[in-house]
Structure formats: structure tokens, C-alpha cells
Amino acid sequence: MRILLVEDDYMIGEAVSVALKDAAYAVDWVKDGETAGSTLEYGEHEVVLLDLGLPKRDGLEVLRRLRRAGNKIPVIVITARDGVEDRIAGLDSGADDYLVKPFDINELLARLRAVVRRQGGQAAPILTNGRVSLDPATHKATCGDRIVILSAREFALLHALMLRPGRIFARAELEEHIYGWNEEVESNAVDFLIYSVRKKLGAETIKNVRGAGWMVENLS
């Protein structure tokens, strides 16, 4: 999953970026509201973590412009503005969640998983397509009597597919879920990861659609 982090505080941004990467998310970090606004026009990301006290353009204005443009990308506000009126303003401007600094990184990750589930039309914390089950909190995958813990990038790839069972993903789309801006895309990385996941969970876990890409079947 590709996340845009909008945070001007270097220490907080660095800590959140590292935590997100450790949790198998691809993360891109920008440090002002103007850059955030222009970046979001490209539609490369699936979730935004948005500070409010930003240089060049306030975070609330970034959020309001995003919603006025009809962009429905999930947005979690992360801010030091802890007043009730501030929270109301953030939520009424279109935020999906509002988290006050300082926060525990595990709470942020839990809120992120919840927002992603809602966006994908999922209520249960465990993703399933009727054959494979995937727990985003633990990276544990189950298929029949096989129970395995996936590596960060194996999880990133399978998570993208499991969020939208039945949808075909091209190679470039899967690479976007696995790598951030500053990460080098390894040659044949997608093929290797698919091979690795199939080896752990079975050959039928991920289907190849010749000439189009890969998918997990919707069997539920």
C-alpha cells in the first residue's frame, strides 16, 4: 500500500516513515502543504497522513481542496491541535480520522488498518477471499492447513491483491504498492515475490492472467 506522509517536523516524519516501512507500507514523505496538494493530483497514493500546521499551505486547506475536487482518498489527520473545535473542523473538512500528537505508533498503525478496511468495504479485521486469509496486524497468512508469517514485501504484495479480490493488477501497479519514491525497484521483484508467496501458501493463491497481470480470485 502506498501512503503519502505530509509532515514538516523532521523527527516525527522520520519516525513515522521508518515505522510505516517496517509495517510493509510504501511511504512517500513531503514537508509542506503546497507540495502535498500537487502530489495528490497524480493519484499515486491510497492513504494520506496529514499534519495541519504546515508551511506554504495549512493542512486543513489541503484537505478542503482535496474534497472539493472530489478526491475520496482516506485521510488521517496527525496533529498537535488537540482542541475539540480543531477536531470538529478536521472531521467536518473531510478527514476520516483524527489523531493528536504525541501518539503511539502502534495506535497510528491500527487506525490506518481500520481506515483501509473501511475504504475497501471490509468490516472484519482479517481479509479473506474464500481461500486465503490475511491478518494485516500480524502479517500472518492462512491457506488450508498452512499458516505462515510473510516477509514485509510478500505481505505488501498479497495485501494489495487481497484488498480487491477479483481485480487484475499489472506489474507496475504492484510495484507502486511495494516501493516508495526513493526505493530502487529490483529487477523481477514482483515475479520473485509471487513465487515466494505461492511456495508458502500454494500455487493457487495468486492467479496469473496472461498478458494482463495477477489477481486473487473472489471465492467468498
Protein backbone atom coordinates (compact mmCIF):
# COMPACT_ATOMS: atom_id res chain seq x y z
CA MET A 1 0.00 0.00 0.00
CA ARG A 2 1.30 3.44 -0.97
CA ILE A 3 0.99 6.17 1.68
CA LEU A 4 1.65 9.89 1.43
CA LEU A 5 3.02 11.34 4.68
CA VAL A 6 2.67 15.11 4.97
CA GLU A 7 4.72 16.27 7.96
CA ASP A 8 7.13 19.20 8.36
CA ASP A 9 8.70 18.06 11.64
CA TYR A 10 11.80 16.06 10.68
CA MET A 11 11.98 13.88 13.80
CA ILE A 12 8.30 12.93 13.66
CA GLY A 13 8.39 12.39 9.90
CA GLU A 14 11.47 10.18 10.12
CA ALA A 15 10.00 8.08 12.95
CA VAL A 16 6.66 7.61 11.18
CA SER A 17 8.34 6.80 7.85
CA VAL A 18 10.52 4.11 9.43
CA ALA A 19 7.54 2.60 11.28
CA LEU A 20 5.44 2.51 8.12
CA LYS A 21 8.21 0.85 6.13
CA ASP A 22 8.73 -1.69 8.91
CA ALA A 23 4.99 -2.44 8.71
CA ALA A 24 5.38 -3.15 4.95
CA TYR A 25 3.87 0.08 3.61
CA ALA A 26 5.44 2.05 0.77
CA VAL A 27 5.70 5.63 2.03
CA ASP A 28 6.49 8.95 0.35
CA TRP A 29 7.17 11.95 2.58
CA VAL A 30 6.57 15.61 1.72
CA LYS A 31 7.08 18.51 4.11
CA ASP A 32 4.72 21.31 3.06
CA GLY A 33 1.10 21.73 2.08
CA GLU A 34 1.75 23.06 -1.40
CA THR A 35 3.81 20.01 -2.39
CA ALA A 36 1.18 17.75 -0.82
CA GLY A 37 -1.56 19.32 -2.93
CA SER A 38 0.33 18.94 -6.19
CA THR A 39 1.42 15.39 -5.34
CA LEU A 40 -2.14 14.27 -4.65
CA GLU A 41 -3.22 15.37 -8.11
CA TYR A 42 -1.34 12.40 -9.58
CA GLY A 43 -3.39 9.82 -7.69
CA GLU A 44 -0.43 7.57 -6.83
CA HIS A 45 -1.36 7.10 -3.18
CA GLU A 46 -4.06 5.24 -1.29
CA VAL A 47 -3.94 6.93 2.12
CA VAL A 48 -2.75 10.33 3.38
CA LEU A 49 -1.31 11.02 6.84
CA LEU A 50 -1.73 14.78 7.12
CA ASP A 51 -0.29 17.24 9.61
CA LEU A 52 -2.22 20.52 9.91
CA GLY A 53 0.44 23.06 10.88
CA LEU A 54 2.29 23.03 7.56
CA PRO A 55 4.33 25.68 5.74
CA LYS A 56 3.11 27.16 2.44
CA ARG A 57 -0.43 25.78 2.84
CA ASP A 58 -2.25 24.78 6.01
CA GLY A 59 -3.24 21.13 6.28
CA LEU A 60 -6.94 21.97 6.62
CA GLU A 61 -6.80 23.85 3.34
CA VAL A 62 -5.06 20.88 1.68
CA LEU A 63 -7.87 18.66 2.95
CA ARG A 64 -10.66 21.02 1.88
CA ARG A 65 -9.25 21.41 -1.64
CA LEU A 66 -8.89 17.65 -1.90
CA ARG A 67 -12.53 17.07 -1.03
CA ARG A 68 -13.78 19.94 -3.20
CA ALA A 69 -12.02 18.25 -6.12
CA GLY A 70 -13.98 15.07 -5.41
CA ASN A 71 -10.95 13.09 -4.24
CA LYS A 72 -12.11 10.37 -1.83
CA ILE A 73 -8.68 9.16 -0.71
CA PRO A 74 -8.70 8.30 3.03
CA VAL A 75 -7.05 10.98 5.16
CA ILE A 76 -5.86 10.58 8.74
CA VAL A 77 -5.00 13.88 10.39
CA ILE A 78 -1.96 13.72 12.69
CA THR A 79 -1.56 16.99 14.55
CA ALA A 80 -0.75 18.77 17.80
CA ARG A 81 -4.05 20.72 17.56
CA ASP A 82 -5.97 18.97 20.33
CA GLY A 83 -8.95 21.27 20.94
CA VAL A 84 -12.46 19.96 20.40
CA GLU A 85 -13.12 22.68 17.83
CA ASP A 86 -9.96 21.66 15.95
CA ARG A 87 -11.09 18.03 15.85
CA ILE A 88 -14.54 19.03 14.65
CA ALA A 89 -13.02 21.24 11.94
CA GLY A 90 -10.77 18.43 10.76
CA LEU A 91 -13.51 15.81 10.62
CA ASP A 92 -16.04 18.20 9.07
CA SER A 93 -13.47 19.15 6.42
CA GLY A 94 -13.34 15.54 5.26
CA ALA A 95 -10.82 13.70 7.45
CA ASP A 96 -11.53 10.01 8.02
CA ASP A 97 -9.76 10.00 11.39
CA TYR A 98 -8.01 12.47 13.69
CA LEU A 99 -5.01 11.59 15.87
CA VAL A 100 -3.40 14.03 18.30
CA LYS A 101 0.37 14.21 18.85
CA PRO A 102 2.14 12.72 20.66
CA PHE A 103 0.70 9.36 19.70
CA ASP A 104 1.80 5.75 19.98
CA ILE A 105 2.91 4.47 16.59
CA ASN A 106 1.00 1.23 17.15
CA GLU A 107 -2.21 3.21 17.55
CA LEU A 108 -1.49 5.02 14.28
CA LEU A 109 -0.95 1.68 12.52
CA ALA A 110 -4.19 0.30 13.98
CA ARG A 111 -6.14 3.37 12.85
CA LEU A 112 -4.52 3.08 9.43
CA ARG A 113 -5.62 -0.55 9.11
CA ALA A 114 -9.17 0.40 10.14
CA VAL A 115 -9.39 3.21 7.56
CA VAL A 116 -8.04 0.92 4.83
CA ARG A 117 -10.62 -1.75 5.73
CA ARG A 118 -13.48 0.74 5.52
CA GLN A 119 -12.22 2.10 2.22
CA GLY A 120 -12.14 -1.41 0.80
CA GLY A 121 -15.65 -2.18 2.07
CA GLN A 122 -14.30 -4.57 4.69
CA ALA A 123 -15.58 -4.68 8.26
CA ALA A 124 -13.67 -7.67 9.63
CA PRO A 125 -10.00 -7.20 10.60
CA ILE A 126 -9.00 -10.37 8.70
CA LEU A 127 -9.02 -10.19 4.91
CA THR A 128 -10.22 -13.27 3.07
CA ASN A 129 -11.13 -14.26 -0.47
CA GLY A 130 -12.66 -17.60 0.49
CA ARG A 131 -9.37 -19.50 0.13
CA VAL A 132 -6.69 -17.35 1.74
CA SER A 133 -6.94 -15.31 4.95
CA LEU A 134 -4.56 -12.45 5.76
CA ASP A 135 -4.15 -10.61 9.05
CA PRO A 136 -2.74 -7.11 8.40
CA ALA A 137 -1.86 -6.66 12.08
CA THR A 138 0.47 -9.67 12.24
CA HIS A 139 1.29 -10.38 8.55
CA LYS A 140 0.03 -13.93 9.17
CA ALA A 141 -1.47 -15.70 6.15
CA THR A 142 -3.53 -18.89 6.22
CA CYS A 143 -4.48 -21.22 3.40
CA GLY A 144 -5.99 -24.57 4.36
CA ASP A 145 -3.66 -26.08 6.94
CA ARG A 146 -0.80 -23.74 6.02
CA ILE A 147 -0.13 -20.87 8.42
CA VAL A 148 2.84 -18.61 7.64
CA ILE A 149 4.26 -15.22 8.56
CA LEU A 150 5.00 -13.24 5.40
CA SER A 151 8.00 -11.00 4.90
CA ALA A 152 7.33 -7.27 4.59
CA ARG A 153 7.29 -7.25 0.81
CA GLU A 154 5.45 -10.54 0.47
CA PHE A 155 2.79 -9.04 2.71
CA ALA A 156 2.70 -5.77 0.74
CA LEU A 157 2.06 -7.64 -2.49
CA LEU A 158 -0.55 -10.05 -1.12
CA HIS A 159 -2.27 -7.27 0.85
CA ALA A 160 -2.77 -5.22 -2.33
CA LEU A 161 -4.34 -8.22 -4.07
CA MET A 162 -6.46 -9.27 -1.09
CA LEU A 163 -7.99 -5.82 -0.66
CA ARG A 164 -9.57 -6.18 -4.12
CA PRO A 165 -10.14 -9.88 -4.87
CA GLY A 166 -11.12 -10.46 -8.46
CA ARG A 167 -9.28 -7.38 -9.73
CA ILE A 168 -6.31 -7.83 -12.05
CA PHE A 169 -3.16 -5.89 -11.14
CA ALA A 170 -0.49 -5.08 -13.72
CA ARG A 171 3.19 -5.31 -12.78
CA ALA A 172 3.58 -1.52 -12.50
CA GLU A 173 0.59 -1.29 -10.14
CA LEU A 174 2.01 -3.93 -7.81
CA GLU A 175 5.41 -2.22 -7.85
CA GLU A 176 3.72 1.00 -6.70
CA HIS A 177 2.31 -0.84 -3.69
CA ILE A 178 5.71 -2.26 -2.77
CA TYR A 179 8.14 0.62 -3.40
CA GLY A 180 8.26 4.29 -2.40
CA TRP A 181 9.81 7.15 -4.41
CA ASN A 182 13.34 6.70 -3.14
CA GLU A 183 13.47 2.93 -3.29
CA GLU A 184 15.04 1.18 -6.24
CA VAL A 185 12.68 -1.25 -7.96
CA GLU A 186 14.52 -4.54 -8.06
CA SER A 187 14.53 -6.48 -11.32
CA ASN A 188 11.80 -9.16 -11.44
CA ALA A 189 10.81 -8.30 -7.85
CA VAL A 190 7.11 -8.94 -8.48
CA ASP A 191 7.79 -12.33 -10.08
CA PHE A 192 10.03 -13.35 -7.19
CA LEU A 193 7.51 -12.28 -4.55
CA ILE A 194 4.66 -14.10 -6.29
CA TYR A 195 6.81 -17.21 -6.49
CA SER A 196 7.64 -16.89 -2.79
CA VAL A 197 4.00 -16.42 -1.72
CA ARG A 198 2.88 -19.37 -3.84
CA LYS A 199 5.63 -21.53 -2.37
CA LYS A 200 4.41 -20.73 1.16
CA LEU A 201 0.64 -20.85 0.56
CA GLY A 202 0.11 -22.92 -2.57
CA ALA A 203 0.21 -22.39 -6.32
CA GLU A 204 -3.48 -21.44 -6.48
CA THR A 205 -3.06 -18.48 -4.11
CA ILE A 206 -2.25 -15.96 -6.87
CA LYS A 207 -3.54 -16.40 -10.41
CA ASN A 208 -1.69 -15.20 -13.49
CA VAL A 209 -3.87 -13.63 -16.17
CA ARG A 210 -1.80 -13.92 -19.31
CA GLY A 211 -0.87 -10.58 -20.81
CA ALA A 212 -2.65 -8.62 -18.08
CA GLY A 213 -1.19 -9.31 -14.64
CA TRP A 214 -2.12 -11.12 -11.43
CA MET A 215 -5.09 -11.49 -9.12
CA VAL A 216 -6.53 -13.46 -6.23
CA GLU A 217 -9.89 -15.00 -7.02
CA ASN A 218 -13.01 -13.82 -5.22
CA LEU A 219 -14.36 -17.08 -3.80
CA SER A 220 -16.21 -15.72 -0.77
